[in-house]
């Protein structure tokens, strides 16, 4: 299951480096039908290990007729960022019309924007849009150090004192409780960054007694507690064992093996690709934002598009019924994860 995709020919027009490990690539795209709102994303066709694949990236504000993406070169890349970093002006691929699942509501009296690392990509566009309309806002932006803060000079010029930056190498950190306490009652917060930041923000937001509907967030699909390792998946009732490489997701490996799966966002947000964990020989690395901690403990499931096992073997139930099959029951004694 996928959203409707309108593919367009895209030619690399310009390449910039707003931070040492971030590449900003602007594409001239044929037949774009309209502009896009901040927070939108596009799909791009890439080549990984000689095979075609699709990756999703936030689109950065860019001139009409173009789409721009800012991509961090990850040391444990599944291949998408490595491919983007090989592109040169004149190279051609295909991209989709942007769609938005991380939209500004335009209903709040004040907006707090929080960016962690390359999570600045959607937040940058939001800051520009809010400032252009004269909205009340504050942005906090943290990264490993000042040099790694992509778009920081532009944001400083745009926001002035409304921008606060934090360098991890200098011992600086967000004070989420203080940030939330200072907000008006009808304010909204928008966050994009690593999973740890997201989870901390959700806890602090709840502790502040603020409505969940006014906290919006997006997370990196490849960010977890552990480094990626290969592991094996047994699909209950199918007699199938699937090897998952360190550079691919469980969903990708299951699809390649012909295992039927339902999916949509590929970012751990919609929950459609969730599979039940029957048993596991290793810890689970939950990288989704769909399940709560309580749900993960009470009914062990993971989103196959982003979450994975820390090596070893897992047995899953994908929810499909085959002839003569009895649905698998969860085993006791799962490793904590």
C-alpha atoms as a PDB file:
ATOM      1  CA  UNK A   1       0.000   0.000   0.000  1.00  0.00           C
ATOM      2  CA  UNK A   2       1.516   3.304  -1.032  1.00  0.00           C
ATOM      3  CA  UNK A   3       0.444   6.881  -1.483  1.00  0.00           C
ATOM      4  CA  UNK A   4      -0.171   7.978  -5.058  1.00  0.00           C
ATOM      5  CA  UNK A   5       3.128   8.944  -6.648  1.00  0.00           C
ATOM      6  CA  UNK A   6       3.579  11.281  -9.598  1.00  0.00           C
ATOM      7  CA  UNK A   7       7.096  10.695 -10.919  1.00  0.00           C
ATOM      8  CA  UNK A   8       9.003  13.444 -12.750  1.00  0.00           C
ATOM      9  CA  UNK A   9      12.361  13.552 -14.548  1.00  0.00           C
ATOM     10  CA  UNK A  10      14.867  15.360 -12.320  1.00  0.00           C
ATOM     11  CA  UNK A  11      18.254  16.733 -13.396  1.00  0.00           C
ATOM     12  CA  UNK A  12      20.897  17.871 -10.922  1.00  0.00           C
ATOM     13  CA  UNK A  13      21.229  21.635 -11.308  1.00  0.00           C
ATOM     14  CA  UNK A  14      23.375  22.636  -8.330  1.00  0.00           C
ATOM     15  CA  UNK A  15      25.268  21.061  -5.432  1.00  0.00           C
ATOM     16  CA  UNK A  16      26.193  22.859  -2.204  1.00  0.00           C
ATOM     17  CA  UNK A  17      27.656  21.801   1.155  1.00  0.00           C
ATOM     18  CA  UNK A  18      25.901  23.708   3.984  1.00  0.00           C
ATOM     19  CA  UNK A  19      27.758  21.557   6.560  1.00  0.00           C
ATOM     20  CA  UNK A  20      30.752  19.212   6.222  1.00  0.00           C
ATOM     21  CA  UNK A  21      28.608  16.056   6.211  1.00  0.00           C
ATOM     22  CA  UNK A  22      25.476  17.478   4.539  1.00  0.00           C
ATOM     23  CA  UNK A  23      25.011  17.870   0.805  1.00  0.00           C
ATOM     24  CA  UNK A  24      22.316  20.149  -0.617  1.00  0.00           C
ATOM     25  CA  UNK A  25      21.297  18.998  -4.091  1.00  0.00           C
ATOM     26  CA  UNK A  26      18.934  21.079  -6.225  1.00  0.00           C
ATOM     27  CA  UNK A  27      17.163  19.350  -9.120  1.00  0.00           C
ATOM     28  CA  UNK A  28      15.448  20.912 -12.115  1.00  0.00           C
ATOM     29  CA  UNK A  29      12.256  18.841 -12.260  1.00  0.00           C
ATOM     30  CA  UNK A  30      10.083  18.461 -15.353  1.00  0.00           C
ATOM     31  CA  UNK A  31       6.389  19.230 -15.066  1.00  0.00           C
ATOM     32  CA  UNK A  32       6.034  20.169 -11.408  1.00  0.00           C
ATOM     33  CA  UNK A  33       2.369  21.098 -11.045  1.00  0.00           C
ATOM     34  CA  UNK A  34       2.610  23.346  -7.990  1.00  0.00           C
ATOM     35  CA  UNK A  35       4.710  24.562  -5.108  1.00  0.00           C
ATOM     36  CA  UNK A  36       4.872  22.805  -1.765  1.00  0.00           C
ATOM     37  CA  UNK A  37       4.354  23.622   1.901  1.00  0.00           C
ATOM     38  CA  UNK A  38       7.123  23.408   4.528  1.00  0.00           C
ATOM     39  CA  UNK A  39       7.493  19.919   5.955  1.00  0.00           C
ATOM     40  CA  UNK A  40       6.816  18.254   2.588  1.00  0.00           C
ATOM     41  CA  UNK A  41       8.878  15.352   1.320  1.00  0.00           C
ATOM     42  CA  UNK A  42       9.695  13.775  -2.027  1.00  0.00           C
ATOM     43  CA  UNK A  43      10.673  10.291  -3.133  1.00  0.00           C
ATOM     44  CA  UNK A  44      13.766   9.871  -5.275  1.00  0.00           C
ATOM     45  CA  UNK A  45      14.938   6.905  -7.329  1.00  0.00           C
ATOM     46  CA  UNK A  46      18.427   5.806  -6.316  1.00  0.00           C
ATOM     47  CA  UNK A  47      20.751   2.928  -7.155  1.00  0.00           C
ATOM     48  CA  UNK A  48      22.059   0.773  -4.297  1.00  0.00           C
ATOM     49  CA  UNK A  49      24.446  -2.110  -4.924  1.00  0.00           C
ATOM     50  CA  UNK A  50      23.559  -1.894  -8.606  1.00  0.00           C
ATOM     51  CA  UNK A  51      19.813  -2.270  -7.970  1.00  0.00           C
ATOM     52  CA  UNK A  52      17.091   0.412  -8.169  1.00  0.00           C
ATOM     53  CA  UNK A  53      15.552   1.599  -4.898  1.00  0.00           C
ATOM     54  CA  UNK A  54      13.485   4.494  -3.557  1.00  0.00           C
ATOM     55  CA  UNK A  55      14.391   6.859  -0.733  1.00  0.00           C
ATOM     56  CA  UNK A  56      12.410   9.700   0.864  1.00  0.00           C
ATOM     57  CA  UNK A  57      13.771  13.135   1.816  1.00  0.00           C
ATOM     58  CA  UNK A  58      12.375  16.444   3.021  1.00  0.00           C
ATOM     59  CA  UNK A  59      12.281  19.135   0.363  1.00  0.00           C
ATOM     60  CA  UNK A  60      14.079  22.393   1.139  1.00  0.00           C
ATOM     61  CA  UNK A  61      12.780  25.814  -0.063  1.00  0.00           C
ATOM     62  CA  UNK A  62      14.006  26.263  -3.647  1.00  0.00           C
ATOM     63  CA  UNK A  63      13.159  28.263  -6.801  1.00  0.00           C
ATOM     64  CA  UNK A  64      10.062  27.412  -8.891  1.00  0.00           C
ATOM     65  CA  UNK A  65      10.496  24.344 -11.080  1.00  0.00           C
ATOM     66  CA  UNK A  66      13.068  22.810  -8.728  1.00  0.00           C
ATOM     67  CA  UNK A  67      13.225  20.444  -5.763  1.00  0.00           C
ATOM     68  CA  UNK A  68      16.109  20.536  -3.293  1.00  0.00           C
ATOM     69  CA  UNK A  69      17.090  17.947  -0.685  1.00  0.00           C
ATOM     70  CA  UNK A  70      19.734  18.147   2.052  1.00  0.00           C
ATOM     71  CA  UNK A  71      21.232  14.730   2.774  1.00  0.00           C
ATOM     72  CA  UNK A  72      23.618  13.738   5.536  1.00  0.00           C
ATOM     73  CA  UNK A  73      26.226  11.125   4.647  1.00  0.00           C
ATOM     74  CA  UNK A  74      25.626   8.471   7.293  1.00  0.00           C
ATOM     75  CA  UNK A  75      28.476   6.096   8.204  1.00  0.00           C
ATOM     76  CA  UNK A  76      25.932   3.241   8.331  1.00  0.00           C
ATOM     77  CA  UNK A  77      23.997   4.377   5.291  1.00  0.00           C
ATOM     78  CA  UNK A  78      21.553   1.902   3.754  1.00  0.00           C
ATOM     79  CA  UNK A  79      22.723   3.307   0.425  1.00  0.00           C
ATOM     80  CA  UNK A  80      20.485   6.305  -0.165  1.00  0.00           C
ATOM     81  CA  UNK A  81      22.721   9.007   1.259  1.00  0.00           C
ATOM     82  CA  UNK A  82      25.806   7.422  -0.315  1.00  0.00           C
ATOM     83  CA  UNK A  83      24.095   7.528  -3.712  1.00  0.00           C
ATOM     84  CA  UNK A  84      23.065  11.179  -3.346  1.00  0.00           C
ATOM     85  CA  UNK A  85      26.657  12.058  -2.488  1.00  0.00           C
ATOM     86  CA  UNK A  86      27.829  10.570  -5.806  1.00  0.00           C
ATOM     87  CA  UNK A  87      25.565  12.831  -7.872  1.00  0.00           C
ATOM     88  CA  UNK A  88      27.092  15.514 -10.091  1.00  0.00           C
ATOM     89  CA  UNK A  89      25.555  18.450 -11.984  1.00  0.00           C
ATOM     90  CA  UNK A  90      23.829  17.094 -15.075  1.00  0.00           C
ATOM     91  CA  UNK A  91      23.021  13.675 -13.602  1.00  0.00           C
ATOM     92  CA  UNK A  92      19.426  12.562 -14.117  1.00  0.00           C
ATOM     93  CA  UNK A  93      17.037  10.568 -11.949  1.00  0.00           C
ATOM     94  CA  UNK A  94      13.333  10.738 -11.085  1.00  0.00           C
ATOM     95  CA  UNK A  95      11.488  12.353  -8.170  1.00  0.00           C
ATOM     96  CA  UNK A  96       7.860  12.561  -7.073  1.00  0.00           C
ATOM     97  CA  UNK A  97       5.605  15.545  -6.606  1.00  0.00           C
ATOM     98  CA  UNK A  98       6.032  16.553  -2.936  1.00  0.00           C
ATOM     99  CA  UNK A  99       3.465  15.487  -0.351  1.00  0.00           C
ATOM    100  CA  UNK A 100       3.158  16.598   3.255  1.00  0.00           C
ATOM    101  CA  UNK A 101       2.636  14.609   6.447  1.00  0.00           C
ATOM    102  CA  UNK A 102       4.349  17.128   8.730  1.00  0.00           C
ATOM    103  CA  UNK A 103       2.243  20.206   8.143  1.00  0.00           C
ATOM    104  CA  UNK A 104       2.072  23.487  10.002  1.00  0.00           C
ATOM    105  CA  UNK A 105      -1.424  24.016  11.394  1.00  0.00           C
ATOM    106  CA  UNK A 106      -1.456  27.827  11.094  1.00  0.00           C
ATOM    107  CA  UNK A 107      -3.785  27.906  14.117  1.00  0.00           C
ATOM    108  CA  UNK A 108      -1.444  28.718  17.029  1.00  0.00           C
ATOM    109  CA  UNK A 109      -0.583  32.057  18.602  1.00  0.00           C
ATOM    110  CA  UNK A 110       3.059  30.987  18.893  1.00  0.00           C
ATOM    111  CA  UNK A 111       5.271  28.275  17.381  1.00  0.00           C
ATOM    112  CA  UNK A 112       8.259  26.559  18.948  1.00  0.00           C
ATOM    113  CA  UNK A 113      10.492  24.878  16.360  1.00  0.00           C
ATOM    114  CA  UNK A 114      13.047  22.311  17.564  1.00  0.00           C
ATOM    115  CA  UNK A 115      15.725  20.826  15.298  1.00  0.00           C
ATOM    116  CA  UNK A 116      18.346  18.222  16.129  1.00  0.00           C
ATOM    117  CA  UNK A 117      21.169  17.770  13.608  1.00  0.00           C
ATOM    118  CA  UNK A 118      19.968  17.150  10.064  1.00  0.00           C
ATOM    119  CA  UNK A 119      16.440  17.315  11.479  1.00  0.00           C
ATOM    120  CA  UNK A 120      16.746  20.987  10.575  1.00  0.00           C
ATOM    121  CA  UNK A 121      15.629  20.144   7.030  1.00  0.00           C
ATOM    122  CA  UNK A 122      11.842  20.493   7.563  1.00  0.00           C
ATOM    123  CA  UNK A 123      12.257  23.018  10.401  1.00  0.00           C
ATOM    124  CA  UNK A 124      14.233  25.392   8.163  1.00  0.00           C
ATOM    125  CA  UNK A 125      11.327  25.668   5.727  1.00  0.00           C
ATOM    126  CA  UNK A 126       8.858  26.123   8.573  1.00  0.00           C
ATOM    127  CA  UNK A 127      10.927  28.954  10.065  1.00  0.00           C
ATOM    128  CA  UNK A 128      11.051  30.751   6.714  1.00  0.00           C
ATOM    129  CA  UNK A 129       7.306  30.367   6.154  1.00  0.00           C
ATOM    130  CA  UNK A 130       6.325  31.501   9.660  1.00  0.00           C
ATOM    131  CA  UNK A 131       8.687  34.477   9.575  1.00  0.00           C
ATOM    132  CA  UNK A 132       7.379  35.527   6.145  1.00  0.00           C
ATOM    133  CA  UNK A 133       3.837  35.668   7.560  1.00  0.00           C
ATOM    134  CA  UNK A 134       4.859  37.561  10.686  1.00  0.00           C
ATOM    135  CA  UNK A 135       3.993  34.704  13.048  1.00  0.00           C
ATOM    136  CA  UNK A 136       5.295  34.574  16.600  1.00  0.00           C
ATOM    137  CA  UNK A 137       7.996  31.898  16.827  1.00  0.00           C
ATOM    138  CA  UNK A 138      11.135  30.683  18.500  1.00  0.00           C
ATOM    139  CA  UNK A 139      13.569  28.097  17.149  1.00  0.00           C
ATOM    140  CA  UNK A 140      16.056  25.981  19.090  1.00  0.00           C
ATOM    141  CA  UNK A 141      18.677  24.125  17.080  1.00  0.00           C
ATOM    142  CA  UNK A 142      21.181  21.632  18.418  1.00  0.00           C
ATOM    143  CA  UNK A 143      23.969  19.733  16.684  1.00  0.00           C
ATOM    144  CA  UNK A 144      27.331  18.157  17.381  1.00  0.00           C
ATOM    145  CA  UNK A 145      29.082  21.519  16.965  1.00  0.00           C
ATOM    146  CA  UNK A 146      28.601  24.887  15.291  1.00  0.00           C
ATOM    147  CA  UNK A 147      30.225  23.760  12.025  1.00  0.00           C
ATOM    148  CA  UNK A 148      27.690  20.951  11.615  1.00  0.00           C
ATOM    149  CA  UNK A 149      24.660  23.279  11.857  1.00  0.00           C
ATOM    150  CA  UNK A 150      23.423  23.450   8.275  1.00  0.00           C
ATOM    151  CA  UNK A 151      21.596  26.684   7.353  1.00  0.00           C
ATOM    152  CA  UNK A 152      22.590  28.337  10.671  1.00  0.00           C
ATOM    153  CA  UNK A 153      23.809  31.597   9.039  1.00  0.00           C
ATOM    154  CA  UNK A 154      20.570  31.967   7.041  1.00  0.00           C
ATOM    155  CA  UNK A 155      18.476  31.195  10.109  1.00  0.00           C
ATOM    156  CA  UNK A 156      20.403  33.703  12.228  1.00  0.00           C
ATOM    157  CA  UNK A 157      19.843  36.428   9.632  1.00  0.00           C
ATOM    158  CA  UNK A 158      16.164  35.493   9.426  1.00  0.00           C
ATOM    159  CA  UNK A 159      15.323  35.065  13.108  1.00  0.00           C
ATOM    160  CA  UNK A 160      17.916  37.019  15.065  1.00  0.00           C
ATOM    161  CA  UNK A 161      17.321  36.585  18.809  1.00  0.00           C
ATOM    162  CA  UNK A 162      14.466  34.193  18.112  1.00  0.00           C
ATOM    163  CA  UNK A 163      17.072  31.511  17.276  1.00  0.00           C
ATOM    164  CA  UNK A 164      18.959  29.656  20.024  1.00  0.00           C
ATOM    165  CA  UNK A 165      21.715  27.204  19.072  1.00  0.00           C
ATOM    166  CA  UNK A 166      23.308  24.460  21.171  1.00  0.00           C
ATOM    167  CA  UNK A 167      26.624  22.698  20.553  1.00  0.00           C
ATOM    168  CA  UNK A 168      26.969  19.209  22.027  1.00  0.00           C
ATOM    169  CA  UNK A 169      30.774  19.379  21.878  1.00  0.00           C
ATOM    170  CA  UNK A 170      30.644  22.493  24.062  1.00  0.00           C
ATOM    171  CA  UNK A 171      28.463  20.800  26.672  1.00  0.00           C
ATOM    172  CA  UNK A 172      25.314  22.669  25.669  1.00  0.00           C
ATOM    173  CA  UNK A 173      21.891  20.998  25.645  1.00  0.00           C
ATOM    174  CA  UNK A 174      18.206  21.779  25.263  1.00  0.00           C
ATOM    175  CA  UNK A 175      16.165  22.528  28.383  1.00  0.00           C
ATOM    176  CA  UNK A 176      12.896  21.153  27.050  1.00  0.00           C
ATOM    177  CA  UNK A 177      11.014  21.602  30.313  1.00  0.00           C
ATOM    178  CA  UNK A 178      11.893  25.302  30.403  1.00  0.00           C
ATOM    179  CA  UNK A 179      11.059  25.763  26.723  1.00  0.00           C
ATOM    180  CA  UNK A 180       7.627  24.192  27.153  1.00  0.00           C
ATOM    181  CA  UNK A 181       6.900  26.053  30.401  1.00  0.00           C
ATOM    182  CA  UNK A 182       7.439  29.373  28.631  1.00  0.00           C
ATOM    183  CA  UNK A 183       4.856  28.678  25.909  1.00  0.00           C
ATOM    184  CA  UNK A 184       1.380  30.233  25.746  1.00  0.00           C
ATOM    185  CA  UNK A 185      -1.486  27.824  26.358  1.00  0.00           C
ATOM    186  CA  UNK A 186      -2.384  27.501  22.670  1.00  0.00           C
ATOM    187  CA  UNK A 187       1.191  27.290  21.372  1.00  0.00           C
ATOM    188  CA  UNK A 188       2.396  24.398  19.212  1.00  0.00           C
ATOM    189  CA  UNK A 189       5.785  22.702  19.025  1.00  0.00           C
ATOM    190  CA  UNK A 190       7.272  21.104  15.901  1.00  0.00           C
ATOM    191  CA  UNK A 191      10.269  18.791  16.295  1.00  0.00           C
ATOM    192  CA  UNK A 192      12.526  16.875  13.953  1.00  0.00           C
ATOM    193  CA  UNK A 193      15.642  15.086  15.101  1.00  0.00           C
ATOM    194  CA  UNK A 194      17.036  11.860  16.488  1.00  0.00           C
ATOM    195  CA  UNK A 195      14.816   9.393  18.296  1.00  0.00           C
ATOM    196  CA  UNK A 196      16.233  10.251  21.731  1.00  0.00           C
ATOM    197  CA  UNK A 197      15.292  13.914  21.310  1.00  0.00           C
ATOM    198  CA  UNK A 198      11.794  12.953  20.211  1.00  0.00           C
ATOM    199  CA  UNK A 199      11.203  10.651  23.150  1.00  0.00           C
ATOM    200  CA  UNK A 200      12.531  13.238  25.619  1.00  0.00           C
ATOM    201  CA  UNK A 201      10.286  15.891  24.093  1.00  0.00           C
ATOM    202  CA  UNK A 202       7.207  13.694  24.318  1.00  0.00           C
ATOM    203  CA  UNK A 203       7.899  12.972  27.994  1.00  0.00           C
ATOM    204  CA  UNK A 204       8.475  16.643  28.800  1.00  0.00           C
ATOM    205  CA  UNK A 205       5.359  17.679  26.865  1.00  0.00           C
ATOM    206  CA  UNK A 206       3.206  15.219  28.812  1.00  0.00           C
ATOM    207  CA  UNK A 207       4.784  16.294  32.099  1.00  0.00           C
ATOM    208  CA  UNK A 208       3.898  19.898  31.263  1.00  0.00           C
ATOM    209  CA  UNK A 209       0.248  18.860  30.898  1.00  0.00           C
ATOM    210  CA  UNK A 210       0.031  20.054  27.312  1.00  0.00           C
ATOM    211  CA  UNK A 211      -2.363  18.510  24.746  1.00  0.00           C
ATOM    212  CA  UNK A 212      -0.780  15.841  22.564  1.00  0.00           C
ATOM    213  CA  UNK A 213      -2.415  17.339  19.458  1.00  0.00           C
ATOM    214  CA  UNK A 214      -0.200  20.425  19.746  1.00  0.00           C
ATOM    215  CA  UNK A 215       3.081  18.527  19.584  1.00  0.00           C
ATOM    216  CA  UNK A 216       4.025  17.576  16.026  1.00  0.00           C
ATOM    217  CA  UNK A 217       7.134  15.613  15.172  1.00  0.00           C
ATOM    218  CA  UNK A 218       9.108  13.747  12.576  1.00  0.00           C
ATOM    219  CA  UNK A 219      12.024  11.386  13.178  1.00  0.00           C
ATOM    220  CA  UNK A 220      14.916   9.994  11.170  1.00  0.00           C
ATOM    221  CA  UNK A 221      13.995   6.567   9.831  1.00  0.00           C
ATOM    222  CA  UNK A 222      17.538   5.257  10.329  1.00  0.00           C
ATOM    223  CA  UNK A 223      18.116   6.423  13.880  1.00  0.00           C
ATOM    224  CA  UNK A 224      18.183   3.915  16.709  1.00  0.00           C
ATOM    225  CA  UNK A 225      19.853   2.914  19.966  1.00  0.00           C
ATOM    226  CA  UNK A 226      22.244   0.469  18.309  1.00  0.00           C
ATOM    227  CA  UNK A 227      24.361   0.349  15.175  1.00  0.00           C
ATOM    228  CA  UNK A 228      22.815  -1.648  12.334  1.00  0.00           C
ATOM    229  CA  UNK A 229      23.680  -5.349  12.289  1.00  0.00           C
ATOM    230  CA  UNK A 230      22.535  -8.183  10.012  1.00  0.00           C
ATOM    231  CA  UNK A 231      19.883 -10.500  11.433  1.00  0.00           C
ATOM    232  CA  UNK A 232      17.474 -13.215  10.306  1.00  0.00           C
ATOM    233  CA  UNK A 233      13.688 -13.238  10.262  1.00  0.00           C
ATOM    234  CA  UNK A 234      11.492 -16.338  10.351  1.00  0.00           C
ATOM    235  CA  UNK A 235       7.969 -15.614   9.080  1.00  0.00           C
ATOM    236  CA  UNK A 236       5.543 -17.742  11.101  1.00  0.00           C
ATOM    237  CA  UNK A 237       3.322 -19.954   8.950  1.00  0.00           C
ATOM    238  CA  UNK A 238       5.267 -19.329   5.735  1.00  0.00           C
ATOM    239  CA  UNK A 239       8.269 -21.599   6.227  1.00  0.00           C
ATOM    240  CA  UNK A 240      10.455 -18.673   5.175  1.00  0.00           C
ATOM    241  CA  UNK A 241      13.693 -17.413   6.679  1.00  0.00           C
ATOM    242  CA  UNK A 242      14.830 -14.016   5.422  1.00  0.00           C
ATOM    243  CA  UNK A 243      18.304 -12.532   5.894  1.00  0.00           C
ATOM    244  CA  UNK A 244      18.284  -8.795   6.607  1.00  0.00           C
ATOM    245  CA  UNK A 245      21.530  -7.013   5.747  1.00  0.00           C
ATOM    246  CA  UNK A 246      22.860  -4.183   7.905  1.00  0.00           C
ATOM    247  CA  UNK A 247      22.250  -1.753   5.027  1.00  0.00           C
ATOM    248  CA  UNK A 248      18.576  -2.617   4.452  1.00  0.00           C
ATOM    249  CA  UNK A 249      15.342  -2.564   6.418  1.00  0.00           C
ATOM    250  CA  UNK A 250      13.340  -5.579   7.459  1.00  0.00           C
ATOM    251  CA  UNK A 251      10.532  -4.400   5.164  1.00  0.00           C
ATOM    252  CA  UNK A 252      12.872  -4.249   2.159  1.00  0.00           C
ATOM    253  CA  UNK A 253      14.242  -7.733   2.864  1.00  0.00           C
ATOM    254  CA  UNK A 254      10.753  -9.223   3.313  1.00  0.00           C
ATOM    255  CA  UNK A 255       9.552  -7.631   0.074  1.00  0.00           C
ATOM    256  CA  UNK A 256      12.568  -8.955  -1.832  1.00  0.00           C
ATOM    257  CA  UNK A 257      11.782 -12.429  -0.492  1.00  0.00           C
ATOM    258  CA  UNK A 258       8.166 -12.206  -1.698  1.00  0.00           C
ATOM    259  CA  UNK A 259       6.611 -12.023   1.765  1.00  0.00           C
ATOM    260  CA  UNK A 260       3.290 -10.113   1.586  1.00  0.00           C
ATOM    261  CA  UNK A 261       3.381  -6.864   3.554  1.00  0.00           C
ATOM    262  CA  UNK A 262       1.171  -3.806   3.993  1.00  0.00           C
ATOM    263  CA  UNK A 263       3.043  -0.504   4.220  1.00  0.00           C
ATOM    264  CA  UNK A 264       2.854   3.180   3.409  1.00  0.00           C
ATOM    265  CA  UNK A 265       5.050   5.857   5.017  1.00  0.00           C
ATOM    266  CA  UNK A 266       8.344   3.896   5.360  1.00  0.00           C
ATOM    267  CA  UNK A 267       9.253   6.252   8.216  1.00  0.00           C
ATOM    268  CA  UNK A 268       7.863   4.487  11.278  1.00  0.00           C
ATOM    269  CA  UNK A 269       4.919   6.843  11.601  1.00  0.00           C
ATOM    270  CA  UNK A 270       1.793   5.164  10.196  1.00  0.00           C
ATOM    271  CA  UNK A 271       2.071   1.670  11.754  1.00  0.00           C
ATOM    272  CA  UNK A 272       0.760  -0.172   8.684  1.00  0.00           C
ATOM    273  CA  UNK A 273       3.869  -2.338   8.336  1.00  0.00           C
ATOM    274  CA  UNK A 274       3.884  -3.388  12.005  1.00  0.00           C
ATOM    275  CA  UNK A 275       4.559  -7.084  12.592  1.00  0.00           C
ATOM    276  CA  UNK A 276       4.050  -9.096  15.763  1.00  0.00           C
ATOM    277  CA  UNK A 277       7.219 -10.368  17.418  1.00  0.00           C
ATOM    278  CA  UNK A 278       6.689 -14.020  18.326  1.00  0.00           C
ATOM    279  CA  UNK A 279      10.197 -14.515  19.703  1.00  0.00           C
ATOM    280  CA  UNK A 280      13.646 -12.977  19.468  1.00  0.00           C
ATOM    281  CA  UNK A 281      17.165 -14.049  20.407  1.00  0.00           C
ATOM    282  CA  UNK A 282      18.401 -10.461  20.692  1.00  0.00           C
ATOM    283  CA  UNK A 283      17.317  -6.981  21.729  1.00  0.00           C
ATOM    284  CA  UNK A 284      14.870  -5.091  19.540  1.00  0.00           C
ATOM    285  CA  UNK A 285      15.817  -1.624  18.311  1.00  0.00           C
ATOM    286  CA  UNK A 286      12.545   0.331  18.164  1.00  0.00           C
ATOM    287  CA  UNK A 287      12.958   3.222  15.733  1.00  0.00           C
ATOM    288  CA  UNK A 288       9.320   4.092  15.128  1.00  0.00           C
ATOM    289  CA  UNK A 289       7.217   6.860  16.648  1.00  0.00           C
ATOM    290  CA  UNK A 290       3.961   4.923  16.261  1.00  0.00           C
ATOM    291  CA  UNK A 291       4.013   2.695  19.347  1.00  0.00           C
ATOM    292  CA  UNK A 292       4.216   3.910  22.933  1.00  0.00           C
ATOM    293  CA  UNK A 293       6.608   2.334  25.428  1.00  0.00           C
ATOM    294  CA  UNK A 294       3.631   0.659  27.096  1.00  0.00           C
ATOM    295  CA  UNK A 295       2.460  -0.863  23.817  1.00  0.00           C
ATOM    296  CA  UNK A 296       5.945  -2.161  23.063  1.00  0.00           C
ATOM    297  CA  UNK A 297       6.001  -4.021  26.379  1.00  0.00           C
ATOM    298  CA  UNK A 298       2.413  -5.313  26.436  1.00  0.00           C
ATOM    299  CA  UNK A 299       2.079  -6.403  22.794  1.00  0.00           C
ATOM    300  CA  UNK A 300       5.542  -6.736  21.207  1.00  0.00           C
ATOM    301  CA  UNK A 301       5.347  -5.380  17.657  1.00  0.00           C
ATOM    302  CA  UNK A 302       7.730  -3.344  15.531  1.00  0.00           C
ATOM    303  CA  UNK A 303       7.421  -1.287  12.381  1.00  0.00           C
ATOM    304  CA  UNK A 304       9.307  -3.286   9.768  1.00  0.00           C
ATOM    305  CA  UNK A 305      10.160  -0.179   7.748  1.00  0.00           C
ATOM    306  CA  UNK A 306      12.558   1.229  10.370  1.00  0.00           C
ATOM    307  CA  UNK A 307      12.844  -0.966  13.478  1.00  0.00           C
ATOM    308  CA  UNK A 308      15.091  -4.007  13.585  1.00  0.00           C
ATOM    309  CA  UNK A 309      16.804  -6.600  15.768  1.00  0.00           C
ATOM    310  CA  UNK A 310      20.269  -6.279  17.210  1.00  0.00           C
ATOM    311  CA  UNK A 311      21.557  -9.300  15.360  1.00  0.00           C
ATOM    312  CA  UNK A 312      20.418 -12.871  15.957  1.00  0.00           C
ATOM    313  CA  UNK A 313      17.041 -14.180  14.792  1.00  0.00           C
ATOM    314  CA  UNK A 314      13.454 -13.055  15.262  1.00  0.00           C
ATOM    315  CA  UNK A 315      10.225 -14.867  14.510  1.00  0.00           C
ATOM    316  CA  UNK A 316       7.447 -12.596  13.265  1.00  0.00           C
ATOM    317  CA  UNK A 317       3.764 -12.878  12.417  1.00  0.00           C
ATOM    318  CA  UNK A 318       2.969 -10.575   9.489  1.00  0.00           C
ATOM    319  CA  UNK A 319      -0.784 -10.963   9.879  1.00  0.00           C
ATOM    320  CA  UNK A 320      -1.427 -12.832   6.634  1.00  0.00           C
ATOM    321  CA  UNK A 321      -3.262 -16.126   6.852  1.00  0.00           C
ATOM    322  CA  UNK A 322      -2.137 -19.045   4.698  1.00  0.00           C
ATOM    323  CA  UNK A 323      -4.110 -22.262   4.173  1.00  0.00           C
ATOM    324  CA  UNK A 324      -3.995 -24.517   7.214  1.00  0.00           C
ATOM    325  CA  UNK A 325      -2.033 -22.027   9.229  1.00  0.00           C
ATOM    326  CA  UNK A 326      -2.707 -21.380  12.902  1.00  0.00           C
ATOM    327  CA  UNK A 327      -1.775 -17.784  13.828  1.00  0.00           C
ATOM    328  CA  UNK A 328       1.397 -17.703  15.885  1.00  0.00           C
ATOM    329  CA  UNK A 329       1.245 -16.819  19.557  1.00  0.00           C
ATOM    330  CA  UNK A 330       3.824 -14.587  21.233  1.00  0.00           C
ATOM    331  CA  UNK A 331       6.509 -16.424  23.158  1.00  0.00           C
ATOM    332  CA  UNK A 332       7.405 -15.446  26.687  1.00  0.00           C
ATOM    333  CA  UNK A 333      10.780 -14.108  27.712  1.00  0.00           C
ATOM    334  CA  UNK A 334      11.510 -11.652  24.899  1.00  0.00           C
ATOM    335  CA  UNK A 335      14.725  -9.725  25.424  1.00  0.00           C
ATOM    336  CA  UNK A 336      14.129  -6.166  26.559  1.00  0.00           C
ATOM    337  CA  UNK A 337      14.138  -3.712  23.699  1.00  0.00           C
END
